[in-house]
Amino acid sequence: MIEPFPDYDLHMLKIVSKARKLTALILPIVWLVSVNLAAAADRVRFAYPAKSLNYLPVTLGRDKGIFQAEGLELQMVLVASTIQVTALTTGDIDFSGAQTQVMAGAARGLPVKVVGFLTTKPSFWLMSKPEIKSISELKGRIIGITAIGSSTDTLARFLLSKNGLAPDKEVALFGTGTTSNILTAMKAGTVHAGVLSPPFNAMAKQMGYRTLAYFGDYVEQSLSGVGTSDKMIRERPDLVKRMLTATIKSLRFIQQRPAEVTHFIAKEWSVDAASADELYKSMLPAFSRDGGMDEKGIRDALKRETDRMALKEETPLSRVL
């Protein structure tokens, strides 16, 4: 049997001993750095009205650690779109994803602003029972929306008027609270049609419901964004900047890494790979590339909101952005 070299064993023992001492010194430092980083993270509450792919950049960004990398501990809170502006002004939430409501609130003079856009086209589909073959056949029927004053309400009214139907007079609009509730109401027969966003439009299609219209063919409008209070902008500009930086990075992640995003959609929305791929491709054109939106699209959306609220005074963009 070959005996080990005594000098070699002694040398190795010294190396191991030094390595253990070094590890003992490094581990507490690493732990302290981790604790300090965690302590430095700002907790922010982002409100969204439904688990919709319109908010994929935020959901994905949180999962991938993009917001954490900007020193943000992001909490996503499900809040009805109609009360998000009030929640911003009272400080109960820090950021709102209900871009349409924030814009409308700002137009009315409330101390809130839209600071970024997640989408620039409406990723909404008007779906109906299979026996309803056209928008004109909705006369005397009920359309499900999330809430009166929401983007689903504004766009449904726009689409009906565009097709010669008078909202409220010839077609009723029924608020269900959330997009998932619209599909539930359609299945129950409470409503005859509904304004659905992904993945609920794909689910409705699989159930046999008919697609009457894609809103993106009619209008350019952001359905989701990042809104906050004037107070937050004034007192915490760095936090707002980090929130927007993380949002833009998430939007770029969606554009540049389709395989990872598709896998995330399949997992988060419990759909198969083929459905996830279809959802990704249908949503991709709707997402903002850089957190912004062209001025004409913003002005048109603002006019639809001010017309809906019967505001006579023209609202300058500086009041809402």
Protein backbone atom coordinates (compact mmCIF):
# COMPACT_ATOMS: atom_id res chain seq x y z
CA MET A 1 0.00 0.00 0.00
CA ILE A 2 1.29 3.47 -0.92
CA GLU A 3 1.65 5.72 2.10
CA PRO A 4 0.55 9.37 1.81
CA PHE A 5 3.23 12.03 1.80
CA PRO A 6 3.39 13.46 5.34
CA ASP A 7 4.39 16.94 4.15
CA TYR A 8 1.52 17.03 1.63
CA ASP A 9 -1.05 16.07 4.30
CA LEU A 10 0.25 18.72 6.67
CA HIS A 11 0.11 21.33 3.92
CA MET A 12 -3.49 20.41 3.06
CA LEU A 13 -4.54 20.55 6.70
CA LYS A 14 -3.18 24.10 6.93
CA ILE A 15 -5.10 25.12 3.77
CA VAL A 16 -8.35 23.61 5.06
CA SER A 17 -7.86 25.34 8.42
CA LYS A 18 -7.32 28.72 6.73
CA ALA A 19 -10.34 28.17 4.47
CA ARG A 20 -12.54 27.43 7.47
CA LYS A 21 -11.35 30.58 9.25
CA LEU A 22 -11.97 32.64 6.10
CA THR A 23 -15.46 31.16 5.71
CA ALA A 24 -16.20 31.96 9.35
CA LEU A 25 -15.25 35.58 8.66
CA ILE A 26 -17.12 35.90 5.34
CA LEU A 27 -20.47 34.33 6.28
CA PRO A 28 -21.40 36.95 8.91
CA ILE A 29 -20.48 39.71 6.44
CA VAL A 30 -22.68 38.17 3.71
CA TRP A 31 -25.50 37.78 6.21
CA LEU A 32 -25.19 41.40 7.33
CA VAL A 33 -25.20 42.63 3.72
CA SER A 34 -28.33 40.57 3.00
CA VAL A 35 -30.07 41.93 6.08
CA ASN A 36 -29.12 45.50 5.17
CA LEU A 37 -30.39 45.09 1.61
CA ALA A 38 -33.67 43.66 2.86
CA ALA A 39 -34.02 46.46 5.39
CA ALA A 40 -33.31 49.05 2.70
CA ALA A 41 -36.14 47.84 0.43
CA ASP A 42 -39.14 50.17 0.32
CA ARG A 43 -42.48 48.44 0.65
CA VAL A 44 -44.86 49.70 -2.03
CA ARG A 45 -48.50 48.75 -2.56
CA PHE A 46 -49.58 48.45 -6.18
CA ALA A 47 -53.34 48.11 -6.69
CA TYR A 48 -54.75 46.28 -9.68
CA PRO A 49 -58.44 45.59 -10.45
CA ALA A 50 -58.21 42.02 -11.80
CA LYS A 51 -55.76 39.22 -12.41
CA SER A 52 -55.38 40.16 -16.04
CA LEU A 53 -52.49 39.98 -18.49
CA ASN A 54 -52.79 43.75 -18.76
CA TYR A 55 -50.74 43.73 -15.54
CA LEU A 56 -48.27 41.07 -16.68
CA PRO A 57 -45.28 43.48 -16.52
CA VAL A 58 -45.85 44.03 -12.81
CA THR A 59 -46.70 40.41 -11.96
CA LEU A 60 -43.74 39.09 -13.94
CA GLY A 61 -41.36 41.77 -12.67
CA ARG A 62 -42.13 40.88 -9.08
CA ASP A 63 -41.63 37.17 -9.75
CA LYS A 64 -38.31 37.72 -11.55
CA GLY A 65 -36.91 40.02 -8.87
CA ILE A 66 -36.85 43.08 -11.12
CA PHE A 67 -38.60 45.30 -8.59
CA GLN A 68 -36.48 43.90 -5.75
CA ALA A 69 -33.36 44.87 -7.72
CA GLU A 70 -34.58 48.48 -7.58
CA GLY A 71 -34.95 48.28 -3.80
CA LEU A 72 -38.72 47.77 -3.86
CA GLU A 73 -40.70 45.21 -1.90
CA LEU A 74 -43.74 45.14 -4.17
CA GLN A 75 -47.12 44.13 -2.78
CA MET A 76 -49.87 43.60 -5.35
CA VAL A 77 -53.29 44.38 -3.88
CA LEU A 78 -56.56 43.49 -5.61
CA VAL A 79 -58.75 46.61 -5.43
CA ALA A 80 -61.81 47.59 -7.48
CA SER A 81 -60.81 50.13 -10.11
CA THR A 82 -63.53 52.56 -9.03
CA ILE A 83 -62.01 53.15 -5.58
CA GLN A 84 -58.32 53.16 -6.48
CA VAL A 85 -58.12 56.92 -6.98
CA THR A 86 -59.61 57.52 -3.54
CA ALA A 87 -57.16 54.99 -2.09
CA LEU A 88 -54.28 56.92 -3.69
CA THR A 89 -55.39 60.23 -2.20
CA THR A 90 -55.83 58.72 1.28
CA GLY A 91 -52.48 56.92 1.13
CA ASP A 92 -54.00 53.44 1.43
CA ILE A 93 -52.13 52.43 -1.74
CA ASP A 94 -48.97 53.85 -3.27
CA PHE A 95 -49.53 53.11 -6.96
CA SER A 96 -52.57 52.30 -9.07
CA GLY A 97 -52.74 50.17 -12.19
CA ALA A 98 -56.19 51.52 -13.11
CA GLN A 99 -54.86 54.03 -15.61
CA THR A 100 -58.26 55.11 -16.93
CA GLN A 101 -59.58 55.94 -13.47
CA VAL A 102 -56.42 57.85 -12.52
CA MET A 103 -56.68 59.89 -15.72
CA ALA A 104 -60.37 60.60 -15.05
CA GLY A 105 -59.65 61.58 -11.45
CA ALA A 106 -56.88 63.93 -12.51
CA ALA A 107 -59.18 65.50 -15.11
CA ARG A 108 -61.68 66.23 -12.32
CA GLY A 109 -58.94 68.01 -10.38
CA LEU A 110 -58.00 65.28 -7.91
CA PRO A 111 -54.31 65.25 -6.80
CA VAL A 112 -53.24 62.20 -8.83
CA LYS A 113 -51.18 61.64 -11.98
CA VAL A 114 -50.47 58.96 -14.57
CA VAL A 115 -46.69 58.44 -14.54
CA GLY A 116 -46.34 55.45 -16.87
CA PHE A 117 -48.16 53.10 -19.24
CA LEU A 118 -48.12 49.30 -19.28
CA THR A 119 -50.29 49.02 -22.38
CA THR A 120 -50.98 51.34 -25.32
CA LYS A 121 -53.76 49.35 -27.01
CA PRO A 122 -56.91 47.95 -25.41
CA SER A 123 -56.49 44.21 -24.96
CA PHE A 124 -60.23 43.72 -24.68
CA TRP A 125 -62.55 41.53 -26.70
CA LEU A 126 -66.34 41.75 -26.83
CA MET A 127 -67.56 38.17 -26.45
CA SER A 128 -71.15 36.95 -26.66
CA LYS A 129 -73.36 33.90 -26.62
CA PRO A 130 -72.94 31.95 -29.89
CA GLU A 131 -76.46 32.81 -31.10
CA ILE A 132 -75.55 36.53 -31.14
CA LYS A 133 -73.73 37.03 -34.43
CA SER A 134 -73.15 40.79 -34.57
CA ILE A 135 -72.94 43.88 -32.39
CA SER A 136 -76.26 45.13 -33.76
CA GLU A 137 -77.93 42.04 -32.28
CA LEU A 138 -77.03 43.29 -28.79
CA LYS A 139 -79.99 45.69 -28.90
CA GLY A 140 -82.16 45.03 -25.87
CA ARG A 141 -79.45 42.87 -24.26
CA ILE A 142 -77.05 43.20 -21.33
CA ILE A 143 -73.25 43.54 -21.57
CA GLY A 144 -71.07 42.66 -18.60
CA ILE A 145 -68.36 45.14 -17.60
CA THR A 146 -66.21 45.39 -14.49
CA ALA A 147 -67.77 48.64 -13.20
CA ILE A 148 -69.44 51.85 -14.31
CA GLY A 149 -66.67 54.35 -14.99
CA SER A 150 -64.07 51.66 -15.64
CA SER A 151 -62.17 51.26 -18.91
CA THR A 152 -64.49 48.37 -19.83
CA ASP A 153 -67.44 50.75 -19.43
CA THR A 154 -65.86 53.60 -21.42
CA LEU A 155 -64.80 51.34 -24.28
CA ALA A 156 -68.08 49.42 -24.38
CA ARG A 157 -69.97 52.71 -24.72
CA PHE A 158 -67.58 53.86 -27.45
CA LEU A 159 -67.96 50.61 -29.40
CA LEU A 160 -71.76 50.56 -29.10
CA SER A 161 -72.04 54.18 -30.27
CA LYS A 162 -69.67 53.43 -33.14
CA ASN A 163 -72.07 50.69 -34.23
CA GLY A 164 -75.23 52.78 -33.93
CA LEU A 165 -76.46 51.59 -30.53
CA ALA A 166 -77.28 53.90 -27.61
CA PRO A 167 -75.70 52.75 -24.33
CA ASP A 168 -78.15 52.58 -21.39
CA LYS A 169 -81.13 53.13 -23.72
CA GLU A 170 -80.75 50.27 -26.19
CA VAL A 171 -78.09 48.20 -24.45
CA ALA A 172 -77.69 47.81 -20.68
CA LEU A 173 -74.26 47.75 -19.05
CA PHE A 174 -73.94 45.64 -15.91
CA GLY A 175 -70.98 45.94 -13.51
CA THR A 176 -69.75 42.64 -12.06
CA GLY A 177 -66.70 43.83 -10.13
CA THR A 178 -63.97 41.83 -11.86
CA THR A 179 -63.23 40.38 -15.30
CA SER A 180 -63.53 36.83 -14.01
CA ASN A 181 -67.00 37.71 -12.70
CA ILE A 182 -68.02 38.83 -16.20
CA LEU A 183 -67.29 35.35 -17.54
CA THR A 184 -69.14 33.82 -14.60
CA ALA A 185 -72.15 36.05 -15.35
CA MET A 186 -72.03 35.02 -19.01
CA LYS A 187 -72.08 31.34 -18.04
CA ALA A 188 -74.96 31.96 -15.62
CA GLY A 189 -76.95 33.85 -18.26
CA THR A 190 -77.03 37.05 -16.20
CA VAL A 191 -75.49 38.93 -19.14
CA HIS A 192 -75.63 38.18 -22.87
CA ALA A 193 -72.14 39.43 -23.69
CA GLY A 194 -69.06 40.69 -21.90
CA VAL A 195 -65.92 42.77 -22.27
CA LEU A 196 -63.12 40.30 -21.58
CA SER A 197 -59.35 40.59 -21.34
CA PRO A 198 -56.80 37.73 -21.49
CA PRO A 199 -56.90 35.01 -20.38
CA PHE A 200 -60.68 35.19 -19.99
CA ASN A 201 -61.33 35.84 -23.69
CA ALA A 202 -59.39 32.68 -24.58
CA MET A 203 -61.30 30.73 -21.93
CA ALA A 204 -64.61 32.04 -23.31
CA LYS A 205 -63.60 31.04 -26.83
CA GLN A 206 -62.86 27.50 -25.66
CA MET A 207 -66.34 27.42 -24.07
CA GLY A 208 -67.94 28.25 -27.40
CA TYR A 209 -68.59 31.97 -27.01
CA ARG A 210 -68.38 34.19 -30.08
CA THR A 211 -65.91 37.05 -30.62
CA LEU A 212 -67.87 40.10 -31.78
CA ALA A 213 -65.03 42.62 -31.76
CA TYR A 214 -61.43 43.28 -30.77
CA PHE A 215 -61.30 46.78 -29.31
CA GLY A 216 -57.77 47.35 -30.63
CA ASP A 217 -59.24 47.46 -34.16
CA TYR A 218 -61.32 50.48 -33.19
CA VAL A 219 -59.28 52.58 -30.82
CA GLU A 220 -55.86 53.21 -29.30
CA GLN A 221 -56.04 53.38 -25.52
CA SER A 222 -54.04 52.27 -22.53
CA LEU A 223 -55.92 49.99 -20.18
CA SER A 224 -53.21 49.64 -17.58
CA GLY A 225 -50.48 51.86 -16.31
CA VAL A 226 -48.83 53.29 -13.24
CA GLY A 227 -50.58 56.10 -11.42
CA THR A 228 -49.78 57.72 -8.11
CA SER A 229 -50.61 60.73 -5.96
CA ASP A 230 -49.20 64.23 -6.32
CA LYS A 231 -47.96 63.84 -2.76
CA MET A 232 -45.92 60.75 -3.66
CA ILE A 233 -44.39 62.52 -6.66
CA ARG A 234 -43.55 65.55 -4.53
CA GLU A 235 -42.25 63.77 -1.42
CA ARG A 236 -40.80 60.51 -2.81
CA PRO A 237 -39.58 61.25 -6.36
CA ASP A 238 -36.77 58.69 -6.08
CA LEU A 239 -39.25 55.94 -5.19
CA VAL A 240 -41.44 56.87 -8.16
CA LYS A 241 -38.38 56.80 -10.41
CA ARG A 242 -37.36 53.33 -9.17
CA MET A 243 -40.92 52.08 -9.69
CA LEU A 244 -40.86 53.29 -13.28
CA THR A 245 -37.37 51.92 -13.89
CA ALA A 246 -38.46 48.47 -12.73
CA THR A 247 -41.61 48.70 -14.87
CA ILE A 248 -39.61 49.55 -18.00
CA LYS A 249 -37.18 46.69 -17.32
CA SER A 250 -40.15 44.33 -16.98
CA LEU A 251 -41.61 45.54 -20.28
CA ARG A 252 -38.26 44.89 -21.99
CA PHE A 253 -38.07 41.44 -20.39
CA ILE A 254 -41.44 40.62 -21.98
CA GLN A 255 -40.25 41.74 -25.41
CA GLN A 256 -36.84 40.06 -25.30
CA ARG A 257 -37.47 36.72 -23.55
CA PRO A 258 -40.63 35.16 -24.99
CA ALA A 259 -39.90 31.59 -23.87
CA GLU A 260 -39.55 32.58 -20.20
CA VAL A 261 -42.61 34.83 -20.36
CA THR A 262 -44.73 32.13 -22.00
CA HIS A 263 -43.68 29.64 -19.31
CA PHE A 264 -44.60 32.18 -16.62
CA ILE A 265 -48.04 32.78 -18.18
CA ALA A 266 -48.72 29.04 -18.29
CA LYS A 267 -47.80 28.68 -14.62
CA GLU A 268 -49.44 31.84 -13.28
CA TRP A 269 -52.70 31.54 -15.22
CA SER A 270 -52.90 27.73 -15.16
CA VAL A 271 -53.10 27.23 -18.93
CA ASP A 272 -51.32 24.78 -21.22
CA ALA A 273 -48.22 25.74 -23.21
CA ALA A 274 -50.11 26.27 -26.48
CA SER A 275 -52.66 28.57 -24.82
CA ALA A 276 -49.89 30.47 -23.04
CA ASP A 277 -48.10 31.03 -26.35
CA GLU A 278 -51.32 32.30 -27.95
CA LEU A 279 -51.95 34.64 -25.03
CA TYR A 280 -48.39 36.00 -25.20
CA LYS A 281 -48.66 36.68 -28.93
CA SER A 282 -52.07 38.35 -28.58
CA MET A 283 -50.85 40.62 -25.78
CA LEU A 284 -47.41 41.56 -27.12
CA PRO A 285 -48.64 44.31 -29.52
CA ALA A 286 -50.61 45.92 -26.68
CA PHE A 287 -47.66 46.43 -24.34
CA SER A 288 -45.75 49.71 -24.25
CA ARG A 289 -42.13 49.29 -25.27
CA ASP A 290 -40.73 51.90 -22.91
CA GLY A 291 -43.45 52.82 -20.41
CA GLY A 292 -44.71 55.66 -22.62
CA MET A 293 -47.51 56.29 -25.11
CA ASP A 294 -47.84 58.65 -28.07
CA GLU A 295 -49.50 61.99 -27.40
CA LYS A 296 -52.43 61.49 -29.79
CA GLY A 297 -53.45 58.26 -28.09
CA ILE A 298 -53.33 59.95 -24.69
CA ARG A 299 -55.35 62.96 -25.90
CA ASP A 300 -58.00 60.75 -27.53
CA ALA A 301 -58.34 58.64 -24.38
CA LEU A 302 -58.57 61.77 -22.24
CA LYS A 303 -61.30 63.20 -24.47
CA ARG A 304 -63.34 60.00 -24.18
CA GLU A 305 -63.12 60.25 -20.41
CA THR A 306 -63.99 63.96 -20.24
CA ASP A 307 -66.91 63.41 -22.65
CA ARG A 308 -68.18 60.53 -20.48
CA MET A 309 -68.00 62.75 -17.39
CA ALA A 310 -69.59 65.67 -19.30
CA LEU A 311 -66.69 68.00 -18.47
CA LYS A 312 -66.99 71.13 -20.60
CA GLU A 313 -63.56 72.57 -19.88
CA GLU A 314 -60.71 71.20 -21.98
CA THR A 315 -58.26 69.30 -19.78
CA PRO A 316 -54.55 70.01 -20.39
CA LEU A 317 -52.24 66.99 -20.44
CA SER A 318 -50.18 68.56 -17.67
CA ARG A 319 -53.10 67.98 -15.31
CA VAL A 320 -53.10 64.22 -15.83
CA LEU A 321 -49.43 63.39 -16.56
